[in-house]
Each structure stands twice: as structure tokens, then as C-alpha cells.
């Protein structure tokens, strides 16, 4: 499985996760790529709750990703803490998913 990061995800990553915490998230997604909840109206984009060291899942971060099964890829789209943002509109995520599907 190949992880592909959007530039937004790469830019935000150091603000939320250490390298070790990110490796843990990647390992989890490798084992269970369908672990995240499907976001309604997004065209297959998922949201997984992840707890950095010292916080519980409910207060942790949300990683938004798209699992492109046919190419064995997980596209890491963005991440945020629950306290910063409640959700991303499904139609926005659907546009991203369509762009990934169509290469």
C-alpha cells in the first residue's frame, strides 16, 4: 500500500503528529484501510479519529483520507483537531475524491 499526501496534509502534519505518531496511524490504516467512517456525500472519503500521545480519541485529531483500492493507495487529504473544525462539507470532499479517481 502506498501513502500519498496532499500538500495541505504535509504542511499540517507537524502541527498535529510526531513522526512516530504518524507511523502509528499509517500502520493502523495499512491493517484496516476501511477503518475510518465514510463521510456522507463525499464519494468515498473517510474520516478516522486518532489520538496523539496524551489525548483520547474524542479530543484527538481527525485524519481525512481516500482509499483508492484499485491502485492500493491511501491518499492523506487533510487533518485537524476536533476543537478546530466540526466537519468538512461532503461536496468539497467529493470533488477531491473524483479528482483522485480520474487521475
N, C-alpha and C. Protein backbone atom coordinates (compact mmCIF):
# COMPACT_ATOMS: atom_id res chain seq x y z
N UNK A 1 0.86 -1.18 0.00
CA UNK A 1 0.00 0.00 0.00
C UNK A 1 0.90 1.23 0.00
N UNK A 2 0.53 2.19 -0.80
CA UNK A 2 1.29 3.42 -0.93
C UNK A 2 0.51 4.56 -0.30
N UNK A 3 1.18 5.36 0.53
CA UNK A 3 0.56 6.55 1.10
C UNK A 3 0.96 7.75 0.26
N UNK A 4 -0.02 8.54 -0.12
CA UNK A 4 0.22 9.76 -0.88
C UNK A 4 -0.38 10.91 -0.08
N UNK A 5 0.41 11.93 0.14
CA UNK A 5 -0.03 13.08 0.93
C UNK A 5 -0.30 14.27 0.01
N UNK A 6 -1.41 14.95 0.25
CA UNK A 6 -1.63 16.22 -0.43
C UNK A 6 -0.68 17.24 0.20
N UNK A 7 -0.43 18.32 -0.50
CA UNK A 7 0.45 19.36 0.05
C UNK A 7 -0.14 19.95 1.32
N UNK A 8 -1.46 20.03 1.39
CA UNK A 8 -2.12 20.53 2.60
C UNK A 8 -1.83 19.62 3.78
N UNK A 9 -1.97 18.31 3.57
CA UNK A 9 -1.71 17.35 4.65
C UNK A 9 -0.27 17.45 5.12
N UNK A 10 0.67 17.47 4.18
CA UNK A 10 2.09 17.53 4.53
C UNK A 10 2.40 18.79 5.33
N UNK A 11 1.79 19.89 4.96
CA UNK A 11 2.01 21.16 5.66
C UNK A 11 1.45 21.13 7.09
N UNK A 12 0.30 20.52 7.27
CA UNK A 12 -0.36 20.49 8.57
C UNK A 12 0.20 19.43 9.52
N UNK A 13 0.74 18.36 8.97
CA UNK A 13 1.16 17.20 9.76
C UNK A 13 2.01 17.53 10.98
N UNK A 14 3.08 18.33 10.87
CA UNK A 14 3.92 18.59 12.05
C UNK A 14 3.20 19.31 13.18
N UNK A 15 2.09 19.97 12.88
CA UNK A 15 1.32 20.67 13.91
C UNK A 15 0.50 19.72 14.77
N UNK A 16 0.31 18.49 14.31
CA UNK A 16 -0.59 17.57 15.00
C UNK A 16 0.05 16.27 15.45
N UNK A 17 0.98 15.73 14.67
CA UNK A 17 1.54 14.42 14.98
C UNK A 17 3.06 14.42 14.88
N UNK A 18 3.68 13.66 15.78
CA UNK A 18 5.12 13.42 15.66
C UNK A 18 5.32 12.38 14.56
N UNK A 19 6.55 12.17 14.15
CA UNK A 19 6.83 11.13 13.15
C UNK A 19 6.35 9.77 13.65
N UNK A 20 6.60 9.48 14.91
CA UNK A 20 6.21 8.20 15.49
C UNK A 20 4.69 8.04 15.52
N UNK A 21 3.98 9.09 15.87
CA UNK A 21 2.52 9.04 15.90
C UNK A 21 1.95 8.85 14.49
N UNK A 22 2.57 9.50 13.51
CA UNK A 22 2.11 9.35 12.13
C UNK A 22 2.37 7.93 11.63
N UNK A 23 3.52 7.37 11.98
CA UNK A 23 3.80 5.98 11.61
C UNK A 23 2.75 5.04 12.21
N UNK A 24 2.33 5.34 13.44
CA UNK A 24 1.28 4.54 14.07
C UNK A 24 -0.03 4.62 13.30
N UNK A 25 -0.38 5.81 12.87
CA UNK A 25 -1.59 5.99 12.07
C UNK A 25 -1.48 5.24 10.75
N UNK A 26 -0.34 5.34 10.09
CA UNK A 26 -0.14 4.65 8.82
C UNK A 26 -0.24 3.13 9.01
N UNK A 27 0.37 2.62 10.07
CA UNK A 27 0.31 1.18 10.34
C UNK A 27 -1.13 0.74 10.55
N UNK A 28 -1.87 1.53 11.29
CA UNK A 28 -3.29 1.23 11.54
C UNK A 28 -4.06 1.19 10.22
N UNK A 29 -3.85 2.18 9.37
CA UNK A 29 -4.57 2.23 8.09
C UNK A 29 -4.12 1.13 7.13
N UNK A 30 -2.86 0.71 7.22
CA UNK A 30 -2.41 -0.42 6.41
C UNK A 30 -3.17 -1.68 6.77
N UNK A 31 -3.39 -1.87 8.07
CA UNK A 31 -4.09 -3.06 8.55
C UNK A 31 -5.60 -2.97 8.32
N UNK A 32 -6.14 -1.76 8.41
CA UNK A 32 -7.59 -1.56 8.29
C UNK A 32 -7.87 -0.31 7.45
N UNK A 33 -7.64 -0.37 6.14
CA UNK A 33 -7.83 0.83 5.31
C UNK A 33 -9.27 1.34 5.29
N UNK A 34 -10.20 0.50 5.68
CA UNK A 34 -11.60 0.93 5.72
C UNK A 34 -12.04 1.33 7.13
N UNK A 35 -11.08 1.59 8.01
CA UNK A 35 -11.37 1.88 9.42
C UNK A 35 -12.13 3.18 9.61
N UNK A 36 -11.83 4.17 8.83
CA UNK A 36 -12.48 5.46 9.00
C UNK A 36 -13.93 5.44 8.58
N UNK A 37 -14.71 6.31 9.19
CA UNK A 37 -16.12 6.43 8.82
C UNK A 37 -16.23 7.10 7.45
N UNK A 38 -17.09 6.55 6.59
CA UNK A 38 -17.37 7.20 5.31
C UNK A 38 -18.08 8.52 5.58
N UNK A 39 -17.64 9.55 4.89
CA UNK A 39 -18.26 10.87 5.04
C UNK A 39 -19.38 10.98 4.01
N UNK A 40 -20.57 11.20 4.49
CA UNK A 40 -21.76 11.26 3.63
C UNK A 40 -21.59 12.30 2.52
N UNK A 41 -21.88 11.87 1.30
CA UNK A 41 -21.84 12.77 0.16
C UNK A 41 -20.45 13.09 -0.36
N UNK A 42 -19.44 12.31 0.10
CA UNK A 42 -18.06 12.64 -0.25
C UNK A 42 -17.49 11.81 -1.39
N UNK A 43 -18.21 10.80 -1.85
CA UNK A 43 -17.68 9.97 -2.91
C UNK A 43 -16.64 8.97 -2.44
N UNK A 44 -16.66 8.62 -1.16
CA UNK A 44 -15.74 7.59 -0.65
C UNK A 44 -14.66 8.08 0.28
N UNK A 45 -14.63 9.36 0.58
CA UNK A 45 -13.64 9.90 1.52
C UNK A 45 -14.01 9.46 2.93
N UNK A 46 -12.97 9.17 3.73
CA UNK A 46 -13.17 8.66 5.09
C UNK A 46 -12.54 9.59 6.11
N UNK A 47 -13.08 9.50 7.33
CA UNK A 47 -12.55 10.27 8.46
C UNK A 47 -12.23 9.29 9.58
N UNK A 48 -10.98 9.31 10.02
CA UNK A 48 -10.60 8.45 11.14
C UNK A 48 -10.19 9.32 12.31
N UNK A 49 -10.63 8.93 13.49
CA UNK A 49 -10.23 9.63 14.71
C UNK A 49 -8.93 9.01 15.20
N UNK A 50 -7.98 9.85 15.56
CA UNK A 50 -6.68 9.36 16.01
C UNK A 50 -6.25 10.16 17.22
N UNK A 51 -5.72 9.45 18.19
CA UNK A 51 -5.33 10.09 19.45
C UNK A 51 -3.82 10.21 19.55
N UNK A 52 -3.28 11.42 19.42
CA UNK A 52 -1.86 11.61 19.68
C UNK A 52 -1.57 11.32 21.15
N UNK A 53 -0.31 11.12 21.48
CA UNK A 53 0.07 10.84 22.86
C UNK A 53 -0.52 11.88 23.80
N UNK A 54 -1.13 11.41 24.88
CA UNK A 54 -1.65 12.32 25.89
C UNK A 54 -3.06 12.82 25.66
N UNK A 55 -3.75 12.29 24.64
CA UNK A 55 -5.14 12.71 24.44
C UNK A 55 -5.96 11.50 24.03
N UNK A 56 -7.24 11.54 24.32
CA UNK A 56 -8.15 10.48 23.91
C UNK A 56 -8.65 10.72 22.51
N UNK A 57 -9.27 9.68 21.91
CA UNK A 57 -9.76 9.82 20.54
C UNK A 57 -10.77 10.94 20.39
N UNK A 58 -11.63 11.12 21.40
CA UNK A 58 -12.66 12.15 21.26
C UNK A 58 -12.07 13.55 21.22
N UNK A 59 -10.92 13.74 21.85
CA UNK A 59 -10.28 15.04 21.83
C UNK A 59 -9.08 15.10 20.91
N UNK A 60 -8.85 14.03 20.17
CA UNK A 60 -7.68 13.95 19.31
C UNK A 60 -7.88 14.62 17.97
N UNK A 61 -7.20 14.08 16.98
CA UNK A 61 -7.26 14.66 15.64
C UNK A 61 -8.18 13.84 14.75
N UNK A 62 -8.54 14.44 13.64
CA UNK A 62 -9.30 13.76 12.60
C UNK A 62 -8.43 13.77 11.35
N UNK A 63 -8.17 12.59 10.82
CA UNK A 63 -7.43 12.47 9.57
C UNK A 63 -8.43 12.13 8.47
N UNK A 64 -8.40 12.90 7.42
CA UNK A 64 -9.30 12.71 6.29
C UNK A 64 -8.50 12.07 5.16
N UNK A 65 -9.00 10.94 4.66
CA UNK A 65 -8.25 10.21 3.64
C UNK A 65 -9.19 9.54 2.64
N UNK A 66 -8.59 9.13 1.52
CA UNK A 66 -9.33 8.42 0.49
C UNK A 66 -8.56 7.15 0.17
N UNK A 67 -9.22 6.01 0.27
CA UNK A 67 -8.61 4.71 -0.03
C UNK A 67 -8.93 4.35 -1.47
N UNK A 68 -7.93 4.41 -2.32
CA UNK A 68 -8.09 4.06 -3.73
C UNK A 68 -7.71 2.59 -3.88
N UNK A 69 -8.70 1.73 -3.68
CA UNK A 69 -8.48 0.28 -3.64
C UNK A 69 -7.79 -0.24 -4.89
N UNK A 70 -8.25 0.20 -6.05
CA UNK A 70 -7.75 -0.35 -7.32
C UNK A 70 -6.25 -0.15 -7.49
N UNK A 71 -5.71 0.92 -6.94
CA UNK A 71 -4.27 1.20 -7.08
C UNK A 71 -3.50 0.96 -5.79
N UNK A 72 -4.18 0.42 -4.78
CA UNK A 72 -3.55 0.16 -3.48
C UNK A 72 -2.90 1.42 -2.92
N UNK A 73 -3.67 2.51 -2.92
CA UNK A 73 -3.18 3.81 -2.43
C UNK A 73 -4.10 4.35 -1.36
N UNK A 74 -3.50 5.01 -0.40
CA UNK A 74 -4.26 5.78 0.59
C UNK A 74 -3.81 7.22 0.44
N UNK A 75 -4.74 8.07 0.07
CA UNK A 75 -4.47 9.49 -0.11
C UNK A 75 -4.80 10.22 1.18
N UNK A 76 -3.80 10.77 1.81
CA UNK A 76 -3.99 11.54 3.04
C UNK A 76 -4.32 12.97 2.61
N UNK A 77 -5.55 13.41 2.87
CA UNK A 77 -6.04 14.68 2.33
C UNK A 77 -5.82 15.85 3.27
N UNK A 78 -6.23 15.72 4.51
CA UNK A 78 -6.05 16.80 5.48
C UNK A 78 -6.21 16.23 6.88
N UNK A 79 -5.93 17.04 7.88
CA UNK A 79 -6.18 16.66 9.26
C UNK A 79 -6.41 17.90 10.09
N UNK A 80 -7.11 17.70 11.19
CA UNK A 80 -7.47 18.82 12.06
C UNK A 80 -7.85 18.27 13.42
N UNK A 81 -7.86 19.13 14.41
CA UNK A 81 -8.34 18.71 15.73
C UNK A 81 -9.83 18.97 15.81
N UNK A 82 -10.50 18.18 16.62
CA UNK A 82 -11.95 18.32 16.73
C UNK A 82 -12.33 19.72 17.21
N UNK A 83 -11.49 20.30 18.06
CA UNK A 83 -11.81 21.62 18.60
C UNK A 83 -11.72 22.72 17.54
N UNK A 84 -11.00 22.46 16.45
CA UNK A 84 -10.83 23.47 15.40
C UNK A 84 -11.97 23.48 14.38
N UNK A 85 -12.48 22.31 14.08
CA UNK A 85 -13.45 22.21 12.99
C UNK A 85 -14.37 21.03 13.24
N UNK A 86 -15.64 21.22 13.04
CA UNK A 86 -16.60 20.13 13.25
C UNK A 86 -16.60 19.16 12.07
N UNK A 87 -16.56 19.68 10.84
CA UNK A 87 -16.58 18.81 9.68
C UNK A 87 -16.22 19.60 8.42
N UNK A 88 -15.94 18.85 7.37
CA UNK A 88 -15.67 19.43 6.06
C UNK A 88 -16.86 19.06 5.18
N UNK A 89 -17.40 19.99 4.42
CA UNK A 89 -18.58 19.68 3.60
C UNK A 89 -18.34 18.50 2.66
N UNK A 90 -19.32 17.60 2.60
CA UNK A 90 -19.21 16.42 1.76
C UNK A 90 -18.96 16.75 0.30
N UNK A 91 -19.59 17.80 -0.22
CA UNK A 91 -19.41 18.14 -1.64
C UNK A 91 -17.97 18.54 -1.94
N UNK A 92 -17.30 19.16 -0.98
CA UNK A 92 -15.89 19.52 -1.17
C UNK A 92 -15.04 18.26 -1.26
N UNK A 93 -15.29 17.31 -0.36
CA UNK A 93 -14.53 16.07 -0.36
C UNK A 93 -14.84 15.23 -1.60
N UNK A 94 -16.07 15.29 -2.08
CA UNK A 94 -16.44 14.55 -3.28
C UNK A 94 -15.64 15.04 -4.48
N UNK A 95 -15.44 16.33 -4.59
CA UNK A 95 -14.63 16.88 -5.69
C UNK A 95 -13.20 16.35 -5.62
N UNK A 96 -12.66 16.28 -4.41
CA UNK A 96 -11.30 15.76 -4.24
C UNK A 96 -11.26 14.28 -4.63
N UNK A 97 -12.23 13.50 -4.16
CA UNK A 97 -12.27 12.07 -4.47
C UNK A 97 -12.38 11.84 -5.98
N UNK A 98 -13.20 12.62 -6.66
CA UNK A 98 -13.34 12.49 -8.11
C UNK A 98 -12.02 12.79 -8.82
N UNK A 99 -11.31 13.78 -8.36
CA UNK A 99 -10.01 14.12 -8.96
C UNK A 99 -9.03 12.97 -8.79
N UNK A 100 -9.03 12.33 -7.63
CA UNK A 100 -8.13 11.19 -7.39
C UNK A 100 -8.53 10.01 -8.27
N UNK A 101 -9.81 9.69 -8.33
CA UNK A 101 -10.30 8.56 -9.13
C UNK A 101 -9.93 8.72 -10.60
N UNK A 102 -10.02 9.94 -11.09
CA UNK A 102 -9.78 10.20 -12.51
C UNK A 102 -8.33 10.48 -12.85
N UNK A 103 -7.48 10.36 -11.84
CA UNK A 103 -6.04 10.53 -12.04
C UNK A 103 -5.65 11.91 -12.35
